[in-house]
Amino acid sequence: MHFPEVVTSAALDSTDVEPLDAVARCSTTGPLAGRHIRLIGHADPRGPAEYNMALGQRRADSVDGYIDRRGVQRSRIMTTSRGAMDATGQDETGWAHDRRVVVQLGS
């Protein structure tokens, strides 16, 4: 399914690498070593709700794969999607903020 003018990518951007590497280091050898990580994928409000939920999940899974390759054990990572449920954007700047993965570091 394709939606014109809607960002449908779950691929990581080059600006994502540094913060995700820091999350991986902190979770493998840093102060949060051994703790669980929850990845929550989000989408902007354009497109059908079911599609946005799946897109948010693909985004969370993309981050999961990246930090797994950096040594974070998959058994400590949980992924989920909120789709566009928390979206607040009204224009491209806001929609860009809506398209994200929230990383929650926990117990």
PDB file of N, CA and C in Angstrom:
ATOM      1  N   MET A   1       0.844  -1.160   0.000  1.00  0.00           N
ATOM      2  CA  MET A   1       0.000   0.000   0.000  1.00  0.00           C
ATOM      3  C   MET A   1       0.893   1.226   0.000  1.00  0.00           C
ATOM      4  N   HIS A   2       0.550   2.223  -0.803  1.00  0.00           N
ATOM      5  CA  HIS A   2       1.350   3.441  -0.890  1.00  0.00           C
ATOM      6  C   HIS A   2       0.444   4.644  -0.693  1.00  0.00           C
ATOM      7  N   PHE A   3       0.895   5.575   0.131  1.00  0.00           N
ATOM      8  CA  PHE A   3       0.149   6.794   0.375  1.00  0.00           C
ATOM      9  C   PHE A   3       1.008   7.951  -0.102  1.00  0.00           C
ATOM     10  N   PRO A   4       0.579   8.649  -1.159  1.00  0.00           N
ATOM     11  CA  PRO A   4       1.366   9.762  -1.684  1.00  0.00           C
ATOM     12  C   PRO A   4       1.654  10.794  -0.594  1.00  0.00           C
ATOM     13  N   GLU A   5       2.871  11.306  -0.604  1.00  0.00           N
ATOM     14  CA  GLU A   5       3.311  12.364   0.289  1.00  0.00           C
ATOM     15  C   GLU A   5       3.372  11.949   1.760  1.00  0.00           C
ATOM     16  N   VAL A   6       3.259  10.662   2.045  1.00  0.00           N
ATOM     17  CA  VAL A   6       3.338  10.184   3.415  1.00  0.00           C
ATOM     18  C   VAL A   6       4.651   9.431   3.578  1.00  0.00           C
ATOM     19  N   VAL A   7       5.391   9.731   4.646  1.00  0.00           N
ATOM     20  CA  VAL A   7       6.641   9.023   4.903  1.00  0.00           C
ATOM     21  C   VAL A   7       6.293   7.650   5.462  1.00  0.00           C
ATOM     22  N   THR A   8       6.660   6.613   4.710  1.00  0.00           N
ATOM     23  CA  THR A   8       6.314   5.245   5.093  1.00  0.00           C
ATOM     24  C   THR A   8       7.547   4.426   5.430  1.00  0.00           C
ATOM     25  N   SER A   9       8.636   5.078   5.691  1.00  0.00           N
ATOM     26  CA  SER A   9       9.879   4.371   5.938  1.00  0.00           C
ATOM     27  C   SER A   9      10.061   4.014   7.412  1.00  0.00           C
ATOM     28  N   ALA A  10      10.631   2.846   7.603  1.00  0.00           N
ATOM     29  CA  ALA A  10      11.026   2.426   8.950  1.00  0.00           C
ATOM     30  C   ALA A  10      12.549   2.388   9.048  1.00  0.00           C
ATOM     31  N   ALA A  11      13.227   2.829   7.992  1.00  0.00           N
ATOM     32  CA  ALA A  11      14.687   2.802   7.962  1.00  0.00           C
ATOM     33  C   ALA A  11      15.260   3.856   8.906  1.00  0.00           C
ATOM     34  N   LEU A  12      16.373   3.504   9.522  1.00  0.00           N
ATOM     35  CA  LEU A  12      17.052   4.446  10.401  1.00  0.00           C
ATOM     36  C   LEU A  12      17.757   5.507   9.570  1.00  0.00           C
ATOM     37  N   ASP A  13      17.819   6.688  10.107  1.00  0.00           N
ATOM     38  CA  ASP A  13      18.496   7.812   9.489  1.00  0.00           C
ATOM     39  C   ASP A  13      19.902   7.910  10.077  1.00  0.00           C
ATOM     40  N   SER A  14      20.809   8.547   9.381  1.00  0.00           N
ATOM     41  CA  SER A  14      22.176   8.673   9.892  1.00  0.00           C
ATOM     42  C   SER A  14      22.218   9.408  11.232  1.00  0.00           C
ATOM     43  N   THR A  15      21.256  10.265  11.495  1.00  0.00           N
ATOM     44  CA  THR A  15      21.229  10.984  12.772  1.00  0.00           C
ATOM     45  C   THR A  15      20.784  10.083  13.927  1.00  0.00           C
ATOM     46  N   ASP A  16      20.255   8.902  13.610  1.00  0.00           N
ATOM     47  CA  ASP A  16      19.822   7.965  14.653  1.00  0.00           C
ATOM     48  C   ASP A  16      20.973   7.152  15.230  1.00  0.00           C
ATOM     49  N   VAL A  17      22.051   7.028  14.494  1.00  0.00           N
ATOM     50  CA  VAL A  17      23.134   6.116  14.858  1.00  0.00           C
ATOM     51  C   VAL A  17      23.781   6.475  16.188  1.00  0.00           C
ATOM     52  N   GLU A  18      24.176   7.718  16.364  1.00  0.00           N
ATOM     53  CA  GLU A  18      24.883   8.109  17.589  1.00  0.00           C
ATOM     54  C   GLU A  18      24.052   7.882  18.854  1.00  0.00           C
ATOM     55  N   PRO A  19      22.793   8.352  18.902  1.00  0.00           N
ATOM     56  CA  PRO A  19      22.031   8.097  20.127  1.00  0.00           C
ATOM     57  C   PRO A  19      21.730   6.614  20.350  1.00  0.00           C
ATOM     58  N   LEU A  20      21.511   5.857  19.288  1.00  0.00           N
ATOM     59  CA  LEU A  20      21.248   4.424  19.465  1.00  0.00           C
ATOM     60  C   LEU A  20      22.501   3.676  19.888  1.00  0.00           C
ATOM     61  N   ASP A  21      23.659   4.097  19.399  1.00  0.00           N
ATOM     62  CA  ASP A  21      24.906   3.503  19.875  1.00  0.00           C
ATOM     63  C   ASP A  21      25.090   3.780  21.373  1.00  0.00           C
ATOM     64  N   ALA A  22      24.716   4.979  21.815  1.00  0.00           N
ATOM     65  CA  ALA A  22      24.819   5.317  23.236  1.00  0.00           C
ATOM     66  C   ALA A  22      23.866   4.463  24.066  1.00  0.00           C
ATOM     67  N   VAL A  23      22.656   4.243  23.557  1.00  0.00           N
ATOM     68  CA  VAL A  23      21.700   3.377  24.258  1.00  0.00           C
ATOM     69  C   VAL A  23      22.273   1.968  24.372  1.00  0.00           C
ATOM     70  N   ALA A  24      22.845   1.471  23.290  1.00  0.00           N
ATOM     71  CA  ALA A  24      23.413   0.121  23.305  1.00  0.00           C
ATOM     72  C   ALA A  24      24.568   0.023  24.295  1.00  0.00           C
ATOM     73  N   ARG A  25      25.462   1.006  24.291  1.00  0.00           N
ATOM     74  CA  ARG A  25      26.595   0.993  25.236  1.00  0.00           C
ATOM     75  C   ARG A  25      26.103   1.038  26.677  1.00  0.00           C
ATOM     76  N   CYS A  26      25.173   1.916  26.935  1.00  0.00           N
ATOM     77  CA  CYS A  26      24.638   2.065  28.289  1.00  0.00           C
ATOM     78  C   CYS A  26      23.952   0.774  28.743  1.00  0.00           C
ATOM     79  N   SER A  27      23.339   0.064  27.798  1.00  0.00           N
ATOM     80  CA  SER A  27      22.589  -1.149  28.127  1.00  0.00           C
ATOM     81  C   SER A  27      23.438  -2.406  28.167  1.00  0.00           C
ATOM     82  N   THR A  28      24.642  -2.334  27.633  1.00  0.00           N
ATOM     83  CA  THR A  28      25.496  -3.521  27.639  1.00  0.00           C
ATOM     84  C   THR A  28      26.628  -3.413  28.651  1.00  0.00           C
ATOM     85  N   THR A  29      27.273  -2.247  28.733  1.00  0.00           N
ATOM     86  CA  THR A  29      28.421  -2.102  29.625  1.00  0.00           C
ATOM     87  C   THR A  29      28.304  -0.919  30.566  1.00  0.00           C
ATOM     88  N   GLY A  30      27.243  -0.144  30.427  1.00  0.00           N
ATOM     89  CA  GLY A  30      27.083   1.062  31.234  1.00  0.00           C
ATOM     90  C   GLY A  30      26.183   0.854  32.436  1.00  0.00           C
ATOM     91  N   PRO A  31      25.708   1.942  32.989  1.00  0.00           N
ATOM     92  CA  PRO A  31      24.921   1.874  34.222  1.00  0.00           C
ATOM     93  C   PRO A  31      23.581   1.149  34.093  1.00  0.00           C
ATOM     94  N   LEU A  32      23.101   0.964  32.894  1.00  0.00           N
ATOM     95  CA  LEU A  32      21.832   0.252  32.713  1.00  0.00           C
ATOM     96  C   LEU A  32      22.032  -1.165  32.173  1.00  0.00           C
ATOM     97  N   ALA A  33      23.232  -1.695  32.317  1.00  0.00           N
ATOM     98  CA  ALA A  33      23.524  -3.054  31.851  1.00  0.00           C
ATOM     99  C   ALA A  33      22.574  -4.039  32.514  1.00  0.00           C
ATOM    100  N   GLY A  34      22.008  -4.897  31.708  1.00  0.00           N
ATOM    101  CA  GLY A  34      21.106  -5.922  32.212  1.00  0.00           C
ATOM    102  C   GLY A  34      19.658  -5.490  32.343  1.00  0.00           C
ATOM    103  N   ARG A  35      19.387  -4.215  32.163  1.00  0.00           N
ATOM    104  CA  ARG A  35      18.013  -3.737  32.282  1.00  0.00           C
ATOM    105  C   ARG A  35      17.264  -3.916  30.960  1.00  0.00           C
ATOM    106  N   HIS A  36      15.961  -3.867  31.061  1.00  0.00           N
ATOM    107  CA  HIS A  36      15.117  -4.035  29.883  1.00  0.00           C
ATOM    108  C   HIS A  36      14.937  -2.715  29.143  1.00  0.00           C
ATOM    109  N   ILE A  37      14.637  -2.842  27.859  1.00  0.00           N
ATOM    110  CA  ILE A  37      14.405  -1.683  27.006  1.00  0.00           C
ATOM    111  C   ILE A  37      13.055  -1.887  26.321  1.00  0.00           C
ATOM    112  N   ARG A  38      12.260  -0.832  26.320  1.00  0.00           N
ATOM    113  CA  ARG A  38      10.984  -0.867  25.603  1.00  0.00           C
ATOM    114  C   ARG A  38      11.073   0.138  24.467  1.00  0.00           C
ATOM    115  N   LEU A  39      10.767  -0.314  23.258  1.00  0.00           N
ATOM    116  CA  LEU A  39      10.799   0.528  22.067  1.00  0.00           C
ATOM    117  C   LEU A  39       9.367   0.725  21.590  1.00  0.00           C
ATOM    118  N   ILE A  40       8.937   1.985  21.505  1.00  0.00           N
ATOM    119  CA  ILE A  40       7.562   2.292  21.132  1.00  0.00           C
ATOM    120  C   ILE A  40       7.568   3.083  19.828  1.00  0.00           C
ATOM    121  N   GLY A  41       7.078   2.449  18.763  1.00  0.00           N
ATOM    122  CA  GLY A  41       7.045   3.080  17.453  1.00  0.00           C
ATOM    123  C   GLY A  41       5.829   3.974  17.284  1.00  0.00           C
ATOM    124  N   HIS A  42       6.037   5.084  16.582  1.00  0.00           N
ATOM    125  CA  HIS A  42       4.979   6.070  16.336  1.00  0.00           C
ATOM    126  C   HIS A  42       4.941   6.431  14.855  1.00  0.00           C
ATOM    127  N   ALA A  43       3.810   6.941  14.430  1.00  0.00           N
ATOM    128  CA  ALA A  43       3.634   7.394  13.047  1.00  0.00           C
ATOM    129  C   ALA A  43       2.906   8.730  13.052  1.00  0.00           C
ATOM    130  N   ASP A  44       2.985   9.454  11.932  1.00  0.00           N
ATOM    131  CA  ASP A  44       2.203  10.674  11.838  1.00  0.00           C
ATOM    132  C   ASP A  44       0.750  10.301  11.516  1.00  0.00           C
ATOM    133  N   PRO A  45      -0.181  11.241  11.607  1.00  0.00           N
ATOM    134  CA  PRO A  45      -1.598  10.893  11.514  1.00  0.00           C
ATOM    135  C   PRO A  45      -2.111  10.611  10.108  1.00  0.00           C
ATOM    136  N   ARG A  46      -1.295  10.777   9.108  1.00  0.00           N
ATOM    137  CA  ARG A  46      -1.764  10.537   7.749  1.00  0.00           C
ATOM    138  C   ARG A  46      -1.767   9.042   7.464  1.00  0.00           C
ATOM    139  N   GLY A  47      -2.729   8.594   6.717  1.00  0.00           N
ATOM    140  CA  GLY A  47      -2.847   7.167   6.413  1.00  0.00           C
ATOM    141  C   GLY A  47      -3.812   6.486   7.365  1.00  0.00           C
ATOM    142  N   PRO A  48      -4.297   5.307   6.989  1.00  0.00           N
ATOM    143  CA  PRO A  48      -5.255   4.571   7.818  1.00  0.00           C
ATOM    144  C   PRO A  48      -4.636   4.115   9.145  1.00  0.00           C
ATOM    145  N   ALA A  49      -5.466   4.001  10.166  1.00  0.00           N
ATOM    146  CA  ALA A  49      -5.012   3.634  11.517  1.00  0.00           C
ATOM    147  C   ALA A  49      -4.272   2.304  11.526  1.00  0.00           C
ATOM    148  N   GLU A  50      -4.790   1.298  10.846  1.00  0.00           N
ATOM    149  CA  GLU A  50      -4.137  -0.020  10.833  1.00  0.00           C
ATOM    150  C   GLU A  50      -2.760   0.065  10.199  1.00  0.00           C
ATOM    151  N   TYR A  51      -2.654   0.819   9.116  1.00  0.00           N
ATOM    152  CA  TYR A  51      -1.367   0.983   8.449  1.00  0.00           C
ATOM    153  C   TYR A  51      -0.379   1.679   9.383  1.00  0.00           C
ATOM    154  N   ASN A  52      -0.826   2.741  10.071  1.00  0.00           N
ATOM    155  CA  ASN A  52       0.056   3.484  10.974  1.00  0.00           C
ATOM    156  C   ASN A  52       0.514   2.624  12.148  1.00  0.00           C
ATOM    157  N   MET A  53      -0.364   1.741  12.642  1.00  0.00           N
ATOM    158  CA  MET A  53       0.052   0.828  13.716  1.00  0.00           C
ATOM    159  C   MET A  53       1.161  -0.098  13.221  1.00  0.00           C
ATOM    160  N   ALA A  54       0.980  -0.645  12.022  1.00  0.00           N
ATOM    161  CA  ALA A  54       1.999  -1.538  11.453  1.00  0.00           C
ATOM    162  C   ALA A  54       3.295  -0.777  11.180  1.00  0.00           C
ATOM    163  N   LEU A  55       3.190   0.457  10.709  1.00  0.00           N
ATOM    164  CA  LEU A  55       4.377   1.271  10.443  1.00  0.00           C
ATOM    165  C   LEU A  55       5.123   1.579  11.740  1.00  0.00           C
ATOM    166  N   GLY A  56       4.401   1.926  12.784  1.00  0.00           N
ATOM    167  CA  GLY A  56       5.040   2.162  14.077  1.00  0.00           C
ATOM    168  C   GLY A  56       5.759   0.911  14.571  1.00  0.00           C
ATOM    169  N   GLN A  57       5.159  -0.254  14.345  1.00  0.00           N
ATOM    170  CA  GLN A  57       5.796  -1.511  14.748  1.00  0.00           C
ATOM    171  C   GLN A  57       7.060  -1.764  13.938  1.00  0.00           C
ATOM    172  N   ARG A  58       7.006  -1.496  12.630  1.00  0.00           N
ATOM    173  CA  ARG A  58       8.210  -1.671  11.802  1.00  0.00           C
ATOM    174  C   ARG A  58       9.328  -0.733  12.263  1.00  0.00           C
ATOM    175  N   ARG A  59       8.970   0.459  12.658  1.00  0.00           N
ATOM    176  CA  ARG A  59       9.981   1.404  13.155  1.00  0.00           C
ATOM    177  C   ARG A  59      10.604   0.890  14.449  1.00  0.00           C
ATOM    178  N   ALA A  60       9.787   0.407  15.363  1.00  0.00           N
ATOM    179  CA  ALA A  60      10.318  -0.142  16.618  1.00  0.00           C
ATOM    180  C   ALA A  60      11.192  -1.361  16.336  1.00  0.00           C
ATOM    181  N   ASP A  61      10.753  -2.210  15.413  1.00  0.00           N
ATOM    182  CA  ASP A  61      11.529  -3.397  15.062  1.00  0.00           C
ATOM    183  C   ASP A  61      12.858  -3.034  14.414  1.00  0.00           C
ATOM    184  N   SER A  62      12.884  -1.947  13.657  1.00  0.00           N
ATOM    185  CA  SER A  62      14.124  -1.490  13.022  1.00  0.00           C
ATOM    186  C   SER A  62      15.149  -1.087  14.090  1.00  0.00           C
ATOM    187  N   VAL A  63      14.693  -0.356  15.099  1.00  0.00           N
ATOM    188  CA  VAL A  63      15.579   0.028  16.205  1.00  0.00           C
ATOM    189  C   VAL A  63      16.012  -1.217  16.985  1.00  0.00           C
ATOM    190  N   ASP A  64      15.077  -2.135  17.198  1.00  0.00           N
ATOM    191  CA  ASP A  64      15.379  -3.402  17.877  1.00  0.00           C
ATOM    192  C   ASP A  64      16.527  -4.122  17.172  1.00  0.00           C
ATOM    193  N   GLY A  65      16.421  -4.257  15.867  1.00  0.00           N
ATOM    194  CA  GLY A  65      17.465  -4.935  15.108  1.00  0.00           C
ATOM    195  C   GLY A  65      18.810  -4.234  15.217  1.00  0.00           C
ATOM    196  N   TYR A  66      18.778  -2.905  15.196  1.00  0.00           N
ATOM    197  CA  TYR A  66      20.024  -2.139  15.282  1.00  0.00           C
ATOM    198  C   TYR A  66      20.714  -2.351  16.619  1.00  0.00           C
ATOM    199  N   ILE A  67      19.984  -2.182  17.719  1.00  0.00           N
ATOM    200  CA  ILE A  67      20.648  -2.313  19.021  1.00  0.00           C
ATOM    201  C   ILE A  67      20.976  -3.771  19.338  1.00  0.00           C
ATOM    202  N   ASP A  68      20.225  -4.700  18.765  1.00  0.00           N
ATOM    203  CA  ASP A  68      20.577  -6.118  18.906  1.00  0.00           C
ATOM    204  C   ASP A  68      21.939  -6.383  18.264  1.00  0.00           C
ATOM    205  N   ARG A  69      22.173  -5.823  17.094  1.00  0.00           N
ATOM    206  CA  ARG A  69      23.469  -5.987  16.422  1.00  0.00           C
ATOM    207  C   ARG A  69      24.591  -5.303  17.190  1.00  0.00           C
ATOM    208  N   ARG A  70      24.243  -4.407  18.112  1.00  0.00           N
ATOM    209  CA  ARG A  70      25.234  -3.721  18.944  1.00  0.00           C
ATOM    210  C   ARG A  70      25.407  -4.410  20.291  1.00  0.00           C
ATOM    211  N   GLY A  71      24.815  -5.601  20.459  1.00  0.00           N
ATOM    212  CA  GLY A  71      25.072  -6.392  21.657  1.00  0.00           C
ATOM    213  C   GLY A  71      23.983  -6.430  22.710  1.00  0.00           C
ATOM    214  N   VAL A  72      22.889  -5.700  22.504  1.00  0.00           N
ATOM    215  CA  VAL A  72      21.800  -5.746  23.479  1.00  0.00           C
ATOM    216  C   VAL A  72      21.013  -7.039  23.229  1.00  0.00           C
ATOM    217  N   GLN A  73      20.862  -7.840  24.262  1.00  0.00           N
ATOM    218  CA  GLN A  73      20.184  -9.128  24.117  1.00  0.00           C
ATOM    219  C   GLN A  73      18.716  -8.926  23.765  1.00  0.00           C
ATOM    220  N   ARG A  74      18.277  -9.640  22.736  1.00  0.00           N
ATOM    221  CA  ARG A  74      16.877  -9.533  22.306  1.00  0.00           C
ATOM    222  C   ARG A  74      15.898  -9.840  23.429  1.00  0.00           C
ATOM    223  N   SER A  75      16.272 -10.710  24.344  1.00  0.00           N
ATOM    224  CA  SER A  75      15.370 -11.078  25.439  1.00  0.00           C
ATOM    225  C   SER A  75      15.097  -9.897  26.370  1.00  0.00           C
ATOM    226  N   ARG A  76      15.913  -8.845  26.273  1.00  0.00           N
ATOM    227  CA  ARG A  76      15.731  -7.657  27.112  1.00  0.00           C
ATOM    228  C   ARG A  76      15.012  -6.532  26.391  1.00  0.00           C
ATOM    229  N   ILE A  77      14.621  -6.770  25.123  1.00  0.00           N
ATOM    230  CA  ILE A  77      13.991  -5.726  24.318  1.00  0.00           C
ATOM    231  C   ILE A  77      12.535  -6.078  24.051  1.00  0.00           C
ATOM    232  N   MET A  78      11.652  -5.133  24.315  1.00  0.00           N
ATOM    233  CA  MET A  78      10.246  -5.291  23.978  1.00  0.00           C
ATOM    234  C   MET A  78       9.864  -4.191  23.000  1.00  0.00           C
ATOM    235  N   THR A  79       9.165  -4.558  21.940  1.00  0.00           N
ATOM    236  CA  THR A  79       8.715  -3.566  20.976  1.00  0.00           C
ATOM    237  C   THR A  79       7.200  -3.504  20.953  1.00  0.00           C
ATOM    238  N   THR A  80       6.702  -2.319  20.686  1.00  0.00           N
ATOM    239  CA  THR A  80       5.259  -2.114  20.548  1.00  0.00           C
ATOM    240  C   THR A  80       5.041  -0.891  19.658  1.00  0.00           C
ATOM    241  N   SER A  81       3.806  -0.674  19.286  1.00  0.00           N
ATOM    242  CA  SER A  81       3.472   0.461  18.435  1.00  0.00           C
ATOM    243  C   SER A  81       2.303   1.231  19.024  1.00  0.00           C
ATOM    244  N   ARG A  82       2.359   2.531  18.888  1.00  0.00           N
ATOM    245  CA  ARG A  82       1.226   3.399  19.213  1.00  0.00           C
ATOM    246  C   ARG A  82       0.646   3.981  17.934  1.00  0.00           C
ATOM    247  N   GLY A  83       1.267   3.644  16.783  1.00  0.00           N
ATOM    248  CA  GLY A  83       0.764   4.186  15.523  1.00  0.00           C
ATOM    249  C   GLY A  83       0.696   5.698  15.592  1.00  0.00           C
ATOM    250  N   ALA A  84      -0.463   6.246  15.204  1.00  0.00           N
ATOM    251  CA  ALA A  84      -0.645   7.694  15.228  1.00  0.00           C
ATOM    252  C   ALA A  84      -1.458   8.147  16.438  1.00  0.00           C
ATOM    253  N   MET A  85      -1.643   7.264  17.423  1.00  0.00           N
ATOM    254  CA  MET A  85      -2.484   7.607  18.575  1.00  0.00           C
ATOM    255  C   MET A  85      -2.004   8.847  19.332  1.00  0.00           C
ATOM    256  N   ASP A  86      -0.711   9.087  19.372  1.00  0.00           N
ATOM    257  CA  ASP A  86      -0.173  10.226  20.119  1.00  0.00           C
ATOM    258  C   ASP A  86       0.262  11.367  19.208  1.00  0.00           C
ATOM    259  N   ALA A  87      -0.067  11.275  17.929  1.00  0.00           N
ATOM    260  CA  ALA A  87       0.366  12.278  16.953  1.00  0.00           C
ATOM    261  C   ALA A  87      -0.284  13.629  17.236  1.00  0.00           C
ATOM    262  N   THR A  88       0.515  14.674  17.123  1.00  0.00           N
ATOM    263  CA  THR A  88       0.015  16.030  17.338  1.00  0.00           C
ATOM    264  C   THR A  88       0.325  16.958  16.175  1.00  0.00           C
ATOM    265  N   GLY A  89       1.095  16.484  15.194  1.00  0.00           N
ATOM    266  CA  GLY A  89       1.524  17.333  14.092  1.00  0.00           C
ATOM    267  C   GLY A  89       0.382  17.821  13.213  1.00  0.00           C
ATOM    268  N   GLN A  90       0.558  19.036  12.729  1.00  0.00           N
ATOM    269  CA  GLN A  90      -0.412  19.653  11.817  1.00  0.00           C
ATOM    270  C   GLN A  90       0.225  20.013  10.475  1.00  0.00           C
ATOM    271  N   ASP A  91       1.555  19.906  10.416  1.00  0.00           N
ATOM    272  CA  ASP A  91       2.294  20.238   9.201  1.00  0.00           C
ATOM    273  C   ASP A  91       3.533  19.352   9.160  1.00  0.00           C
ATOM    274  N   GLU A  92       4.372  19.521   8.145  1.00  0.00           N
ATOM    275  CA  GLU A  92       5.525  18.633   7.976  1.00  0.00           C
ATOM    276  C   GLU A  92       6.446  18.639   9.187  1.00  0.00           C
ATOM    277  N   THR A  93       6.658  19.778   9.806  1.00  0.00           N
ATOM    278  CA  THR A  93       7.518  19.833  10.986  1.00  0.00           C
ATOM    279  C   THR A  93       6.929  18.992  12.115  1.00  0.00           C
ATOM    280  N   GLY A  94       5.655  19.138  12.357  1.00  0.00           N
ATOM    281  CA  GLY A  94       4.995  18.355  13.399  1.00  0.00           C
ATOM    282  C   GLY A  94       4.925  16.891  13.055  1.00  0.00           C
ATOM    283  N   TRP A  95       4.637  16.572  11.790  1.00  0.00           N
ATOM    284  CA  TRP A  95       4.574  15.174  11.361  1.00  0.00           C
ATOM    285  C   TRP A  95       5.931  14.497  11.499  1.00  0.00           C
ATOM    286  N   ALA A  96       7.001  15.252  11.223  1.00  0.00           N
ATOM    287  CA  ALA A  96       8.347  14.688  11.365  1.00  0.00           C
ATOM    288  C   ALA A  96       8.592  14.295  12.821  1.00  0.00           C
ATOM    289  N   HIS A  97       8.100  15.103  13.765  1.00  0.00           N
ATOM    290  CA  HIS A  97       8.237  14.762  15.191  1.00  0.00           C
ATOM    291  C   HIS A  97       7.406  13.525  15.535  1.00  0.00           C
ATOM    292  N   ASP A  98       6.248  13.395  14.915  1.00  0.00           N
ATOM    293  CA  ASP A  98       5.374  12.245  15.169  1.00  0.00           C
ATOM    294  C   ASP A  98       6.019  10.926  14.734  1.00  0.00           C
ATOM    295  N   ARG A  99       6.859  10.965  13.714  1.00  0.00           N
ATOM    296  CA  ARG A  99       7.496   9.753  13.176  1.00  0.00           C
ATOM    297  C   ARG A  99       8.748   9.449  13.990  1.00  0.00           C
ATOM    298  N   ARG A 100       8.606   8.589  15.008  1.00  0.00           N
ATOM    299  CA  ARG A 100       9.734   8.356  15.908  1.00  0.00           C
ATOM    300  C   ARG A 100       9.585   7.019  16.617  1.00  0.00           C
ATOM    301  N   VAL A 101      10.647   6.647  17.323  1.00  0.00           N
ATOM    302  CA  VAL A 101      10.621   5.516  18.236  1.00  0.00           C
ATOM    303  C   VAL A 101      11.073   6.048  19.586  1.00  0.00           C
ATOM    304  N   VAL A 102      10.241   5.849  20.587  1.00  0.00           N
ATOM    305  CA  VAL A 102      10.575   6.246  21.944  1.00  0.00           C
ATOM    306  C   VAL A 102      11.293   5.083  22.608  1.00  0.00           C
ATOM    307  N   VAL A 103      12.422   5.371  23.223  1.00  0.00           N
ATOM    308  CA  VAL A 103      13.211   4.355  23.925  1.00  0.00           C
ATOM    309  C   VAL A 103      12.998   4.559  25.416  1.00  0.00           C
ATOM    310  N   GLN A 104      12.423   3.550  26.060  1.00  0.00           N
ATOM    311  CA  GLN A 104      12.241   3.607  27.518  1.00  0.00           C
ATOM    312  C   GLN A 104      13.196   2.596  28.140  1.00  0.00           C
ATOM    313  N   LEU A 105      14.041   3.080  29.008  1.00  0.00           N
ATOM    314  CA  LEU A 105      14.986   2.208  29.705  1.00  0.00           C
ATOM    315  C   LEU A 105      14.391   1.881  31.063  1.00  0.00           C
ATOM    316  N   GLY A 106      14.353   0.618  31.396  1.00  0.00           N
ATOM    317  CA  GLY A 106      13.658   0.239  32.611  1.00  0.00           C
ATOM    318  C   GLY A 106      14.394  -0.730  33.488  1.00  0.00           C
ATOM    319  N   SER A 107      13.597  -1.463  34.258  1.00  0.00           N
ATOM    320  CA  SER A 107      14.140  -2.375  35.261  1.00  0.00           C
ATOM    321  C   SER A 107      14.684  -3.653  34.648  1.00  0.00           C
TER     322      SER A 107
END
